[in-house]
């Protein structure tokens, strides 16, 4: 279980939220600037809350000032950024194997996502949907205990987006870890979310 209780001051409001996520896809839904990406960054360790607690399973990743926050590379959290953040100078295969923990798992993921024909190409040579699949496999290749997705499908055309949404659901059925998906697309939230958390001005609201 991923448990998040955080408070962090932003420019125009104070982000103040608490929720628990089991082995499900939970959507953080709300307008731009509502605090969605800040929540992901706090969970990943890219930034730290002003106070609160973040835990994953039995491990505490952050707790007020009582202990040093767990470093990013030790959090066991996969993070798929909106722009995918693939290394342009590395082939698809090298991108995927960067930081991998289990070569057999990576081979399975390559086959599940049907990207084997792309392994020797470079990010600039493949389509947006293919980049999304590659980035997703790279995030899972580290054997994370939770996965964060920051509007990963927003730049894709309608058909490619639908294909990638189906891919995510299929991988989650296989992987079964807590997943947080950030989006401001209501249709996407309804398609992918086991639960939808509505956020506005840093606080969770009932739909």
N, C-alpha and C. Protein backbone atom coordinates (compact mmCIF):
# COMPACT_ATOMS: atom_id res chain seq x y z
N UNK A 1 0.84 -1.20 0.00
CA UNK A 1 0.00 0.00 0.00
C UNK A 1 0.87 1.25 0.00
N UNK A 2 0.47 2.24 -0.78
CA UNK A 2 1.11 3.55 -0.80
C UNK A 2 0.24 4.50 0.03
N UNK A 3 0.83 5.08 1.07
CA UNK A 3 0.08 5.99 1.95
C UNK A 3 0.72 7.38 1.89
N UNK A 4 -0.10 8.38 1.61
CA UNK A 4 0.40 9.74 1.39
C UNK A 4 -0.39 10.73 2.26
N UNK A 5 0.33 11.47 3.09
CA UNK A 5 -0.24 12.59 3.84
C UNK A 5 0.77 13.72 3.75
N UNK A 6 0.45 14.76 2.98
CA UNK A 6 1.44 15.81 2.76
C UNK A 6 0.82 17.20 2.82
N UNK A 7 1.66 18.13 3.24
CA UNK A 7 1.33 19.54 3.21
C UNK A 7 2.52 20.29 2.63
N UNK A 8 2.25 21.12 1.62
CA UNK A 8 3.33 21.87 0.99
C UNK A 8 2.79 23.19 0.46
N UNK A 9 3.48 24.27 0.80
CA UNK A 9 3.04 25.59 0.35
C UNK A 9 3.39 25.78 -1.12
N UNK A 10 2.39 26.21 -1.89
CA UNK A 10 2.58 26.60 -3.28
C UNK A 10 2.41 28.10 -3.40
N UNK A 11 2.52 28.64 -4.62
CA UNK A 11 2.43 30.09 -4.79
C UNK A 11 1.09 30.67 -4.36
N UNK A 12 -0.01 29.97 -4.71
CA UNK A 12 -1.33 30.55 -4.48
C UNK A 12 -2.19 29.76 -3.50
N UNK A 13 -1.66 28.66 -2.99
CA UNK A 13 -2.43 27.86 -2.04
C UNK A 13 -1.49 26.92 -1.30
N UNK A 14 -2.03 26.25 -0.30
CA UNK A 14 -1.27 25.22 0.42
C UNK A 14 -1.80 23.86 -0.01
N UNK A 15 -0.92 23.04 -0.57
CA UNK A 15 -1.28 21.67 -0.92
C UNK A 15 -1.42 20.88 0.37
N UNK A 16 -2.61 20.34 0.59
CA UNK A 16 -2.89 19.62 1.83
C UNK A 16 -3.79 18.44 1.48
N UNK A 17 -3.23 17.23 1.47
CA UNK A 17 -3.99 16.08 1.00
C UNK A 17 -3.53 14.80 1.67
N UNK A 18 -4.42 13.82 1.73
CA UNK A 18 -4.10 12.52 2.32
C UNK A 18 -4.92 11.44 1.61
N UNK A 19 -4.27 10.33 1.27
CA UNK A 19 -4.96 9.21 0.65
C UNK A 19 -4.08 7.96 0.73
N UNK A 20 -4.72 6.80 0.59
CA UNK A 20 -4.04 5.50 0.54
C UNK A 20 -4.38 4.83 -0.78
N UNK A 21 -3.41 4.10 -1.34
CA UNK A 21 -3.62 3.39 -2.60
C UNK A 21 -3.14 1.95 -2.43
N UNK A 22 -4.01 1.02 -2.79
CA UNK A 22 -3.65 -0.38 -2.77
C UNK A 22 -3.20 -0.78 -4.18
N UNK A 23 -3.33 -2.04 -4.56
CA UNK A 23 -2.88 -2.48 -5.89
C UNK A 23 -3.95 -2.14 -6.92
N UNK A 24 -4.07 -0.87 -7.22
CA UNK A 24 -5.13 -0.34 -8.07
C UNK A 24 -4.59 0.85 -8.85
N UNK A 25 -5.33 1.26 -9.87
CA UNK A 25 -5.01 2.49 -10.60
C UNK A 25 -5.89 3.60 -10.04
N UNK A 26 -5.26 4.58 -9.44
CA UNK A 26 -5.98 5.73 -8.90
C UNK A 26 -5.64 6.95 -9.75
N UNK A 27 -6.66 7.65 -10.19
CA UNK A 27 -6.48 8.84 -11.02
C UNK A 27 -6.54 10.09 -10.15
N UNK A 28 -5.53 10.95 -10.29
CA UNK A 28 -5.59 12.30 -9.73
C UNK A 28 -6.12 13.20 -10.83
N UNK A 29 -7.35 13.66 -10.66
CA UNK A 29 -8.04 14.40 -11.71
C UNK A 29 -8.29 15.83 -11.27
N UNK A 30 -7.97 16.77 -12.14
CA UNK A 30 -8.22 18.16 -11.81
C UNK A 30 -7.58 19.08 -12.82
N UNK A 31 -7.83 20.37 -12.72
CA UNK A 31 -7.29 21.33 -13.68
C UNK A 31 -5.78 21.51 -13.53
N UNK A 32 -5.18 22.10 -14.55
CA UNK A 32 -3.75 22.42 -14.48
C UNK A 32 -3.50 23.36 -13.30
N UNK A 33 -2.38 23.13 -12.60
CA UNK A 33 -2.04 23.98 -11.47
C UNK A 33 -2.72 23.61 -10.18
N UNK A 34 -3.41 22.45 -10.15
CA UNK A 34 -4.15 22.07 -8.93
C UNK A 34 -3.26 21.41 -7.89
N UNK A 35 -2.04 21.02 -8.29
CA UNK A 35 -1.13 20.37 -7.35
C UNK A 35 -0.87 18.91 -7.65
N UNK A 36 -1.37 18.40 -8.79
CA UNK A 36 -1.26 16.98 -9.11
C UNK A 36 0.21 16.55 -9.27
N UNK A 37 0.95 17.28 -10.10
CA UNK A 37 2.34 16.91 -10.34
C UNK A 37 3.19 17.09 -9.08
N UNK A 38 2.87 18.09 -8.28
CA UNK A 38 3.60 18.28 -7.02
C UNK A 38 3.45 17.06 -6.12
N UNK A 39 2.25 16.48 -6.08
CA UNK A 39 2.04 15.27 -5.29
C UNK A 39 2.94 14.14 -5.80
N UNK A 40 2.98 13.94 -7.12
CA UNK A 40 3.85 12.90 -7.68
C UNK A 40 5.31 13.16 -7.34
N UNK A 41 5.73 14.41 -7.47
CA UNK A 41 7.13 14.73 -7.20
C UNK A 41 7.50 14.50 -5.74
N UNK A 42 6.57 14.75 -4.83
CA UNK A 42 6.81 14.48 -3.42
C UNK A 42 6.94 12.98 -3.17
N UNK A 43 6.08 12.19 -3.80
CA UNK A 43 6.14 10.73 -3.64
C UNK A 43 7.45 10.18 -4.19
N UNK A 44 7.86 10.69 -5.35
CA UNK A 44 9.08 10.22 -6.00
C UNK A 44 10.35 10.70 -5.30
N UNK A 45 10.25 11.77 -4.52
CA UNK A 45 11.42 12.32 -3.85
C UNK A 45 12.11 13.42 -4.62
N UNK A 46 11.49 13.90 -5.72
CA UNK A 46 12.07 15.00 -6.48
C UNK A 46 11.95 16.31 -5.72
N UNK A 47 10.95 16.40 -4.86
CA UNK A 47 10.81 17.51 -3.93
C UNK A 47 10.27 16.93 -2.63
N UNK A 48 10.28 17.72 -1.56
CA UNK A 48 9.82 17.21 -0.27
C UNK A 48 8.69 18.07 0.27
N UNK A 49 7.72 17.44 0.95
CA UNK A 49 6.66 18.23 1.59
C UNK A 49 7.23 19.11 2.69
N UNK A 50 6.44 20.09 3.12
CA UNK A 50 6.81 20.87 4.30
C UNK A 50 6.61 20.05 5.56
N UNK A 51 5.58 19.20 5.52
CA UNK A 51 5.37 18.24 6.61
C UNK A 51 4.44 17.14 6.12
N UNK A 52 4.39 16.06 6.89
CA UNK A 52 3.54 14.94 6.51
C UNK A 52 4.29 13.63 6.58
N UNK A 53 3.74 12.60 5.93
CA UNK A 53 4.35 11.27 5.91
C UNK A 53 4.00 10.58 4.61
N UNK A 54 4.98 9.90 4.02
CA UNK A 54 4.79 9.10 2.82
C UNK A 54 5.40 7.73 3.09
N UNK A 55 4.61 6.67 2.92
CA UNK A 55 5.12 5.33 3.14
C UNK A 55 4.69 4.42 2.00
N UNK A 56 5.50 3.41 1.74
CA UNK A 56 5.23 2.43 0.70
C UNK A 56 5.48 1.06 1.31
N UNK A 57 4.40 0.30 1.47
CA UNK A 57 4.53 -0.97 2.19
C UNK A 57 4.93 -0.70 3.62
N UNK A 58 5.98 -1.36 4.06
CA UNK A 58 6.46 -1.19 5.44
C UNK A 58 7.52 -0.09 5.55
N UNK A 59 7.88 0.53 4.44
CA UNK A 59 8.96 1.51 4.44
C UNK A 59 8.42 2.93 4.49
N UNK A 60 8.99 3.74 5.39
CA UNK A 60 8.67 5.16 5.44
C UNK A 60 9.65 5.92 4.55
N UNK A 61 9.12 6.61 3.55
CA UNK A 61 9.96 7.34 2.61
C UNK A 61 10.22 8.78 3.06
N UNK A 62 9.25 9.34 3.78
CA UNK A 62 9.37 10.71 4.29
C UNK A 62 8.50 10.84 5.52
N UNK A 63 9.03 11.50 6.55
CA UNK A 63 8.22 11.80 7.74
C UNK A 63 8.73 13.06 8.40
N UNK A 64 8.03 14.16 8.14
CA UNK A 64 8.36 15.46 8.74
C UNK A 64 9.86 15.69 8.74
N UNK A 65 10.36 16.15 9.85
CA UNK A 65 11.80 16.37 9.98
C UNK A 65 12.44 15.28 10.85
N UNK A 66 11.69 14.20 11.09
CA UNK A 66 12.14 13.20 12.05
C UNK A 66 13.23 12.30 11.50
N UNK A 67 13.32 12.20 10.20
CA UNK A 67 14.33 11.35 9.60
C UNK A 67 14.71 11.91 8.23
N UNK A 68 15.86 11.50 7.76
CA UNK A 68 16.30 11.94 6.44
C UNK A 68 15.44 11.25 5.38
N UNK A 69 14.90 11.99 4.41
CA UNK A 69 14.07 11.36 3.38
C UNK A 69 14.85 10.29 2.62
N UNK A 70 14.17 9.22 2.25
CA UNK A 70 14.80 8.18 1.45
C UNK A 70 15.17 8.76 0.08
N UNK A 71 16.40 8.54 -0.40
CA UNK A 71 16.81 9.09 -1.69
C UNK A 71 15.95 8.54 -2.84
N UNK A 72 15.91 9.29 -3.93
CA UNK A 72 15.09 8.92 -5.08
C UNK A 72 15.38 7.50 -5.55
N UNK A 73 16.66 7.16 -5.70
CA UNK A 73 17.02 5.87 -6.30
C UNK A 73 16.76 4.69 -5.39
N UNK A 74 16.42 4.96 -4.12
CA UNK A 74 16.13 3.87 -3.19
C UNK A 74 14.64 3.75 -2.87
N UNK A 75 13.81 4.56 -3.53
CA UNK A 75 12.38 4.55 -3.20
C UNK A 75 11.62 3.42 -3.89
N UNK A 76 12.19 2.84 -4.94
CA UNK A 76 11.54 1.76 -5.69
C UNK A 76 10.22 2.22 -6.29
N UNK A 77 10.26 3.41 -6.86
CA UNK A 77 9.08 4.01 -7.49
C UNK A 77 9.40 4.34 -8.94
N UNK A 78 8.57 3.83 -9.85
CA UNK A 78 8.72 4.16 -11.25
C UNK A 78 7.98 5.45 -11.56
N UNK A 79 8.56 6.28 -12.42
CA UNK A 79 7.96 7.58 -12.74
C UNK A 79 8.00 7.76 -14.24
N UNK A 80 6.82 7.86 -14.85
CA UNK A 80 6.72 8.11 -16.29
C UNK A 80 6.30 9.55 -16.49
N UNK A 81 7.24 10.37 -17.01
CA UNK A 81 6.99 11.80 -17.18
C UNK A 81 6.16 12.07 -18.43
N UNK A 82 5.58 13.26 -18.48
CA UNK A 82 4.73 13.64 -19.60
C UNK A 82 5.49 13.61 -20.92
N UNK A 83 6.77 13.97 -20.89
CA UNK A 83 7.57 13.98 -22.13
C UNK A 83 8.38 12.70 -22.31
N UNK A 84 8.13 11.70 -21.44
CA UNK A 84 8.75 10.37 -21.47
C UNK A 84 10.21 10.37 -21.01
N UNK A 85 10.95 11.46 -21.23
CA UNK A 85 12.33 11.62 -20.73
C UNK A 85 13.24 10.46 -21.12
N UNK A 86 13.12 9.99 -22.35
CA UNK A 86 14.04 8.96 -22.85
C UNK A 86 15.38 9.61 -23.17
N UNK A 87 16.46 8.83 -23.02
CA UNK A 87 17.79 9.33 -23.34
C UNK A 87 17.97 9.33 -24.86
N UNK A 88 18.12 10.50 -25.50
CA UNK A 88 18.17 10.55 -26.97
C UNK A 88 19.40 9.88 -27.57
N UNK A 89 20.50 9.80 -26.80
CA UNK A 89 21.74 9.24 -27.32
C UNK A 89 21.82 7.73 -27.14
N UNK A 90 20.78 7.14 -26.52
CA UNK A 90 20.75 5.70 -26.29
C UNK A 90 19.69 5.05 -27.16
N UNK A 91 19.97 3.83 -27.62
CA UNK A 91 18.97 3.07 -28.36
C UNK A 91 17.81 2.73 -27.42
N UNK A 92 16.71 2.28 -28.01
CA UNK A 92 15.57 1.84 -27.21
C UNK A 92 16.00 0.76 -26.22
N UNK A 93 16.78 -0.19 -26.69
CA UNK A 93 17.22 -1.28 -25.81
C UNK A 93 18.04 -0.76 -24.63
N UNK A 94 18.97 0.16 -24.90
CA UNK A 94 19.79 0.69 -23.81
C UNK A 94 18.96 1.55 -22.86
N UNK A 95 17.98 2.28 -23.39
CA UNK A 95 17.08 3.03 -22.53
C UNK A 95 16.37 2.09 -21.55
N UNK A 96 15.86 0.98 -22.07
CA UNK A 96 15.10 0.05 -21.25
C UNK A 96 15.98 -0.62 -20.20
N UNK A 97 17.18 -0.97 -20.59
CA UNK A 97 18.04 -1.74 -19.68
C UNK A 97 18.77 -0.85 -18.68
N UNK A 98 18.60 0.46 -18.81
CA UNK A 98 19.22 1.39 -17.86
C UNK A 98 18.52 1.23 -16.50
N UNK A 99 19.24 0.73 -15.53
CA UNK A 99 18.69 0.59 -14.19
C UNK A 99 17.83 -0.64 -13.97
N UNK A 100 17.80 -1.56 -14.96
CA UNK A 100 16.93 -2.73 -14.82
C UNK A 100 17.42 -3.63 -13.69
N UNK A 101 16.48 -4.35 -13.09
CA UNK A 101 16.79 -5.25 -11.98
C UNK A 101 16.70 -6.72 -12.38
N UNK A 102 15.90 -7.05 -13.38
CA UNK A 102 15.62 -8.44 -13.71
C UNK A 102 15.55 -8.59 -15.23
N UNK A 103 16.62 -9.11 -15.86
CA UNK A 103 16.62 -9.24 -17.33
C UNK A 103 15.46 -10.08 -17.86
N UNK A 104 15.08 -11.13 -17.15
CA UNK A 104 13.97 -11.96 -17.60
C UNK A 104 12.66 -11.18 -17.62
N UNK A 105 12.44 -10.37 -16.58
CA UNK A 105 11.25 -9.53 -16.53
C UNK A 105 11.23 -8.57 -17.71
N UNK A 106 12.37 -7.97 -18.02
CA UNK A 106 12.45 -7.02 -19.13
C UNK A 106 12.09 -7.70 -20.44
N UNK A 107 12.57 -8.92 -20.65
CA UNK A 107 12.22 -9.65 -21.86
C UNK A 107 10.72 -9.89 -21.94
N UNK A 108 10.09 -10.20 -20.82
CA UNK A 108 8.64 -10.40 -20.80
C UNK A 108 7.90 -9.11 -21.13
N UNK A 109 8.37 -7.99 -20.56
CA UNK A 109 7.73 -6.71 -20.80
C UNK A 109 7.88 -6.27 -22.26
N UNK A 110 9.04 -6.55 -22.84
CA UNK A 110 9.27 -6.21 -24.25
C UNK A 110 8.26 -6.94 -25.13
N UNK A 111 8.01 -8.21 -24.81
CA UNK A 111 7.07 -8.99 -25.61
C UNK A 111 5.63 -8.56 -25.36
N UNK A 112 5.29 -8.27 -24.10
CA UNK A 112 3.93 -7.85 -23.76
C UNK A 112 3.56 -6.56 -24.49
N UNK A 113 4.51 -5.63 -24.56
CA UNK A 113 4.23 -4.33 -25.18
C UNK A 113 4.56 -4.30 -26.68
N UNK A 114 5.06 -5.40 -27.20
CA UNK A 114 5.32 -5.54 -28.64
C UNK A 114 6.29 -4.48 -29.17
N UNK A 115 7.37 -4.26 -28.43
CA UNK A 115 8.35 -3.26 -28.88
C UNK A 115 9.68 -3.88 -29.33
N UNK A 116 9.75 -5.21 -29.43
CA UNK A 116 11.00 -5.86 -29.82
C UNK A 116 11.55 -5.33 -31.15
N UNK A 117 10.70 -5.05 -32.15
CA UNK A 117 11.24 -4.52 -33.41
C UNK A 117 11.89 -3.14 -33.28
N UNK A 118 11.67 -2.48 -32.16
CA UNK A 118 12.19 -1.12 -31.98
C UNK A 118 13.52 -1.07 -31.25
N UNK A 119 14.02 -2.19 -30.76
CA UNK A 119 15.13 -2.18 -29.80
C UNK A 119 16.38 -1.47 -30.31
N UNK A 120 16.65 -1.55 -31.59
CA UNK A 120 17.89 -0.96 -32.11
C UNK A 120 17.69 0.43 -32.69
N UNK A 121 16.48 0.97 -32.55
CA UNK A 121 16.23 2.33 -32.99
C UNK A 121 16.46 3.31 -31.84
N UNK A 122 16.44 4.61 -32.20
CA UNK A 122 16.65 5.67 -31.21
C UNK A 122 15.34 6.43 -31.01
N UNK A 123 15.17 7.10 -29.85
CA UNK A 123 13.89 7.77 -29.56
C UNK A 123 13.38 8.67 -30.67
N UNK A 124 14.28 9.39 -31.36
CA UNK A 124 13.84 10.31 -32.41
C UNK A 124 13.35 9.58 -33.65
N UNK A 125 13.55 8.26 -33.72
CA UNK A 125 13.15 7.48 -34.88
C UNK A 125 11.81 6.77 -34.69
N UNK A 126 11.19 6.89 -33.51
CA UNK A 126 9.96 6.15 -33.25
C UNK A 126 8.82 7.12 -32.94
N UNK A 127 7.58 6.62 -33.02
CA UNK A 127 6.40 7.47 -32.86
C UNK A 127 6.13 7.77 -31.39
N UNK A 128 5.17 8.67 -31.17
CA UNK A 128 4.81 9.03 -29.81
C UNK A 128 4.28 7.84 -29.02
N UNK A 129 3.43 7.03 -29.65
CA UNK A 129 2.90 5.86 -28.97
C UNK A 129 3.98 4.85 -28.65
N UNK A 130 4.93 4.69 -29.56
CA UNK A 130 6.04 3.77 -29.32
C UNK A 130 6.93 4.29 -28.19
N UNK A 131 7.17 5.60 -28.16
CA UNK A 131 7.95 6.18 -27.06
C UNK A 131 7.26 5.92 -25.72
N UNK A 132 5.92 6.04 -25.71
CA UNK A 132 5.18 5.82 -24.47
C UNK A 132 5.38 4.39 -23.99
N UNK A 133 5.32 3.42 -24.89
CA UNK A 133 5.50 2.02 -24.51
C UNK A 133 6.92 1.78 -23.99
N UNK A 134 7.90 2.37 -24.68
CA UNK A 134 9.29 2.21 -24.27
C UNK A 134 9.50 2.81 -22.87
N UNK A 135 8.96 4.01 -22.66
CA UNK A 135 9.12 4.67 -21.35
C UNK A 135 8.44 3.87 -20.25
N UNK A 136 7.30 3.26 -20.56
CA UNK A 136 6.59 2.46 -19.57
C UNK A 136 7.39 1.22 -19.21
N UNK A 137 7.95 0.55 -20.22
CA UNK A 137 8.79 -0.63 -19.95
C UNK A 137 10.02 -0.22 -19.14
N UNK A 138 10.63 0.92 -19.48
CA UNK A 138 11.80 1.36 -18.72
C UNK A 138 11.45 1.62 -17.26
N UNK A 139 10.28 2.23 -17.02
CA UNK A 139 9.86 2.49 -15.64
C UNK A 139 9.63 1.20 -14.87
N UNK A 140 9.09 0.18 -15.55
CA UNK A 140 8.80 -1.09 -14.88
C UNK A 140 10.04 -1.98 -14.77
N UNK A 141 11.05 -1.73 -15.61
CA UNK A 141 12.26 -2.56 -15.61
C UNK A 141 13.04 -2.46 -14.31
N UNK A 142 12.80 -1.40 -13.55
CA UNK A 142 13.48 -1.25 -12.26
C UNK A 142 12.76 -2.02 -11.15
N UNK A 143 11.72 -2.77 -11.51
CA UNK A 143 10.89 -3.53 -10.56
C UNK A 143 10.36 -2.62 -9.45
N UNK A 144 9.64 -1.56 -9.80
CA UNK A 144 9.15 -0.63 -8.78
C UNK A 144 8.02 -1.26 -7.96
N UNK A 145 7.82 -0.71 -6.77
CA UNK A 145 6.72 -1.13 -5.92
C UNK A 145 5.51 -0.23 -6.10
N UNK A 146 5.68 0.86 -6.84
CA UNK A 146 4.58 1.76 -7.19
C UNK A 146 4.97 2.48 -8.48
N UNK A 147 3.97 2.94 -9.23
CA UNK A 147 4.21 3.59 -10.52
C UNK A 147 3.45 4.90 -10.58
N UNK A 148 4.14 5.96 -11.00
CA UNK A 148 3.56 7.29 -11.14
C UNK A 148 3.55 7.67 -12.61
N UNK A 149 2.40 8.15 -13.10
CA UNK A 149 2.25 8.51 -14.51
C UNK A 149 1.72 9.93 -14.60
N UNK A 150 2.51 10.84 -15.17
CA UNK A 150 2.12 12.25 -15.24
C UNK A 150 1.64 12.59 -16.64
N UNK A 151 0.33 12.51 -16.86
CA UNK A 151 -0.29 12.81 -18.16
C UNK A 151 0.48 12.19 -19.32
N UNK A 152 0.73 10.88 -19.27
CA UNK A 152 1.60 10.27 -20.28
C UNK A 152 0.99 10.18 -21.66
N UNK A 153 -0.34 10.33 -21.78
CA UNK A 153 -0.99 10.14 -23.08
C UNK A 153 -1.48 11.45 -23.69
N UNK A 154 -1.18 12.57 -23.07
CA UNK A 154 -1.79 13.84 -23.47
C UNK A 154 -1.38 14.29 -24.87
N UNK A 155 -0.20 13.90 -25.34
CA UNK A 155 0.28 14.36 -26.64
C UNK A 155 -0.03 13.39 -27.78
N UNK A 156 -0.77 12.32 -27.48
CA UNK A 156 -1.02 11.29 -28.47
C UNK A 156 -2.34 11.51 -29.20
N UNK A 157 -2.42 11.02 -30.43
CA UNK A 157 -3.69 11.08 -31.14
C UNK A 157 -4.68 10.10 -30.51
N UNK A 158 -5.94 10.21 -30.91
CA UNK A 158 -7.01 9.47 -30.23
C UNK A 158 -6.82 7.96 -30.29
N UNK A 159 -6.46 7.43 -31.45
CA UNK A 159 -6.30 5.98 -31.57
C UNK A 159 -5.10 5.48 -30.78
N UNK A 160 -3.97 6.20 -30.88
CA UNK A 160 -2.78 5.79 -30.15
C UNK A 160 -3.01 5.88 -28.65
N UNK A 161 -3.73 6.92 -28.23
CA UNK A 161 -4.05 7.06 -26.82
C UNK A 161 -4.87 5.86 -26.32
N UNK A 162 -5.87 5.47 -27.09
CA UNK A 162 -6.69 4.33 -26.71
C UNK A 162 -5.86 3.05 -26.62
N UNK A 163 -4.94 2.87 -27.59
CA UNK A 163 -4.07 1.69 -27.56
C UNK A 163 -3.20 1.68 -26.31
N UNK A 164 -2.65 2.84 -25.96
CA UNK A 164 -1.76 2.93 -24.80
C UNK A 164 -2.54 2.78 -23.50
N UNK A 165 -3.75 3.27 -23.45
CA UNK A 165 -4.59 3.07 -22.27
C UNK A 165 -4.85 1.59 -22.05
N UNK A 166 -5.15 0.88 -23.12
CA UNK A 166 -5.37 -0.57 -23.02
C UNK A 166 -4.10 -1.28 -22.57
N UNK A 167 -2.95 -0.81 -23.07
CA UNK A 167 -1.67 -1.39 -22.70
C UNK A 167 -1.43 -1.23 -21.20
N UNK A 168 -1.72 -0.05 -20.69
CA UNK A 168 -1.53 0.21 -19.26
C UNK A 168 -2.41 -0.71 -18.43
N UNK A 169 -3.67 -0.86 -18.81
CA UNK A 169 -4.56 -1.73 -18.04
C UNK A 169 -4.08 -3.18 -18.07
N UNK A 170 -3.59 -3.60 -19.24
CA UNK A 170 -3.10 -4.97 -19.37
C UNK A 170 -1.85 -5.20 -18.51
N UNK A 171 -0.95 -4.21 -18.54
CA UNK A 171 0.26 -4.33 -17.72
C UNK A 171 -0.07 -4.31 -16.22
N UNK A 172 -1.06 -3.50 -15.85
CA UNK A 172 -1.42 -3.44 -14.44
C UNK A 172 -2.03 -4.76 -13.97
N UNK A 173 -2.81 -5.39 -14.81
CA UNK A 173 -3.36 -6.71 -14.48
C UNK A 173 -2.23 -7.71 -14.25
N UNK A 174 -1.15 -7.55 -15.00
CA UNK A 174 0.01 -8.43 -14.89
C UNK A 174 0.88 -8.06 -13.69
N UNK A 175 1.02 -6.75 -13.44
CA UNK A 175 2.00 -6.27 -12.48
C UNK A 175 1.42 -6.12 -11.07
N UNK A 176 0.20 -5.58 -10.97
CA UNK A 176 -0.52 -5.44 -9.71
C UNK A 176 0.28 -4.69 -8.64
N UNK A 177 0.53 -3.41 -8.90
CA UNK A 177 1.15 -2.51 -7.92
C UNK A 177 0.32 -1.23 -7.85
N UNK A 178 0.49 -0.42 -6.81
CA UNK A 178 -0.21 0.86 -6.78
C UNK A 178 0.24 1.75 -7.93
N UNK A 179 -0.73 2.32 -8.65
CA UNK A 179 -0.45 3.21 -9.78
C UNK A 179 -1.23 4.51 -9.57
N UNK A 180 -0.54 5.64 -9.71
CA UNK A 180 -1.21 6.94 -9.72
C UNK A 180 -1.06 7.55 -11.10
N UNK A 181 -2.18 7.88 -11.70
CA UNK A 181 -2.21 8.50 -13.02
C UNK A 181 -2.75 9.91 -12.90
N UNK A 182 -1.99 10.89 -13.33
CA UNK A 182 -2.43 12.28 -13.35
C UNK A 182 -3.02 12.60 -14.72
N UNK A 183 -4.21 13.19 -14.73
CA UNK A 183 -4.82 13.63 -15.98
C UNK A 183 -5.84 14.73 -15.69
N UNK A 184 -6.12 15.54 -16.72
CA UNK A 184 -7.26 16.46 -16.61
C UNK A 184 -8.29 16.12 -17.68
N UNK A 185 -8.17 14.88 -18.23
CA UNK A 185 -9.11 14.38 -19.23
C UNK A 185 -10.11 13.46 -18.53
N UNK A 186 -11.37 13.91 -18.44
CA UNK A 186 -12.39 13.16 -17.69
C UNK A 186 -12.63 11.79 -18.31
N UNK A 187 -12.66 11.70 -19.62
CA UNK A 187 -12.89 10.41 -20.27
C UNK A 187 -11.78 9.43 -19.94
N UNK A 188 -10.54 9.90 -19.97
CA UNK A 188 -9.41 9.05 -19.63
C UNK A 188 -9.48 8.61 -18.17
N UNK A 189 -9.88 9.51 -17.29
CA UNK A 189 -10.02 9.17 -15.87
C UNK A 189 -11.05 8.06 -15.69
N UNK A 190 -12.18 8.17 -16.39
CA UNK A 190 -13.23 7.16 -16.27
C UNK A 190 -12.79 5.81 -16.83
N UNK A 191 -12.00 5.83 -17.91
CA UNK A 191 -11.55 4.58 -18.54
C UNK A 191 -10.55 3.85 -17.66
N UNK A 192 -9.60 4.58 -17.09
CA UNK A 192 -8.46 3.95 -16.43
C UNK A 192 -8.59 3.83 -14.92
N UNK A 193 -9.35 4.69 -14.30
CA UNK A 193 -9.32 4.76 -12.84
C UNK A 193 -10.18 3.71 -12.15
N UNK A 194 -9.56 2.91 -11.26
CA UNK A 194 -10.35 2.13 -10.31
C UNK A 194 -11.01 3.08 -9.32
N UNK A 195 -10.29 4.15 -9.03
CA UNK A 195 -10.83 5.25 -8.22
C UNK A 195 -10.35 6.56 -8.82
N UNK A 196 -11.14 7.61 -8.64
CA UNK A 196 -10.76 8.94 -9.11
C UNK A 196 -10.75 9.89 -7.92
N UNK A 197 -9.61 10.52 -7.70
CA UNK A 197 -9.48 11.53 -6.65
C UNK A 197 -9.51 12.91 -7.31
N UNK A 198 -10.52 13.70 -7.01
CA UNK A 198 -10.67 15.04 -7.60
C UNK A 198 -9.88 16.04 -6.74
N UNK A 199 -9.02 16.80 -7.40
CA UNK A 199 -8.20 17.76 -6.67
C UNK A 199 -8.33 19.15 -7.28
N UNK A 200 -8.46 20.13 -6.41
CA UNK A 200 -8.53 21.53 -6.84
C UNK A 200 -7.87 22.40 -5.78
N UNK A 201 -7.00 23.29 -6.23
CA UNK A 201 -6.30 24.20 -5.32
C UNK A 201 -5.66 23.45 -4.16
N UNK A 202 -5.10 22.26 -4.47
CA UNK A 202 -4.32 21.53 -3.48
C UNK A 202 -5.09 20.67 -2.53
N UNK A 203 -6.42 20.58 -2.66
CA UNK A 203 -7.23 19.78 -1.74
C UNK A 203 -8.09 18.80 -2.52
N UNK A 204 -8.38 17.65 -1.91
CA UNK A 204 -9.25 16.66 -2.51
C UNK A 204 -10.70 17.07 -2.28
N UNK A 205 -11.53 16.86 -3.31
CA UNK A 205 -12.94 17.23 -3.23
C UNK A 205 -13.80 16.06 -3.67
N UNK A 206 -15.01 16.00 -3.21
CA UNK A 206 -15.96 15.02 -3.73
C UNK A 206 -16.35 15.42 -5.14
N UNK A 207 -16.59 14.43 -6.02
CA UNK A 207 -16.94 14.74 -7.42
C UNK A 207 -18.27 15.46 -7.52
